[in-house]
Amino acid sequence: MEYDILIEVAKEDVHILNYVLEVEENVMNIRKYEDGMLRIIVPEDLKEEALKLLEGVKEIVDLKIVSIRKNEGSA
C-alpha cells in the first residue's frame, strides 16, 4: 500500500524541497507539481517517517501538508 501526500508549496521552492528530501533516500518519491500542489508518494511503512521529515523541512521551505490519502495505483 502506498499513500499520496499533497503539499501546498510555491513553485520556486519545489527544487529546494527536492534537494532536502533527496538526503533521505528511499523514504518518498516526488511525483508532480500542479496548481500549487506537490504530490509525493510514500510506502505505508514509511508514512510516519515521511511526515516527520516534512514537518522538519518547514524550517527551510514554506509548505503545508494538505492531505494524506491512499494511492489508488496512479503514478
Foldseek 3Di string as FASTA:
>chain_A
DKKKWKKQFDPVCPVVVVVQCVVVPQAWAWDDDDPRITIIMGDPVSVVVVVVSVVVCCVPGPMDGDDMGDDPPDD
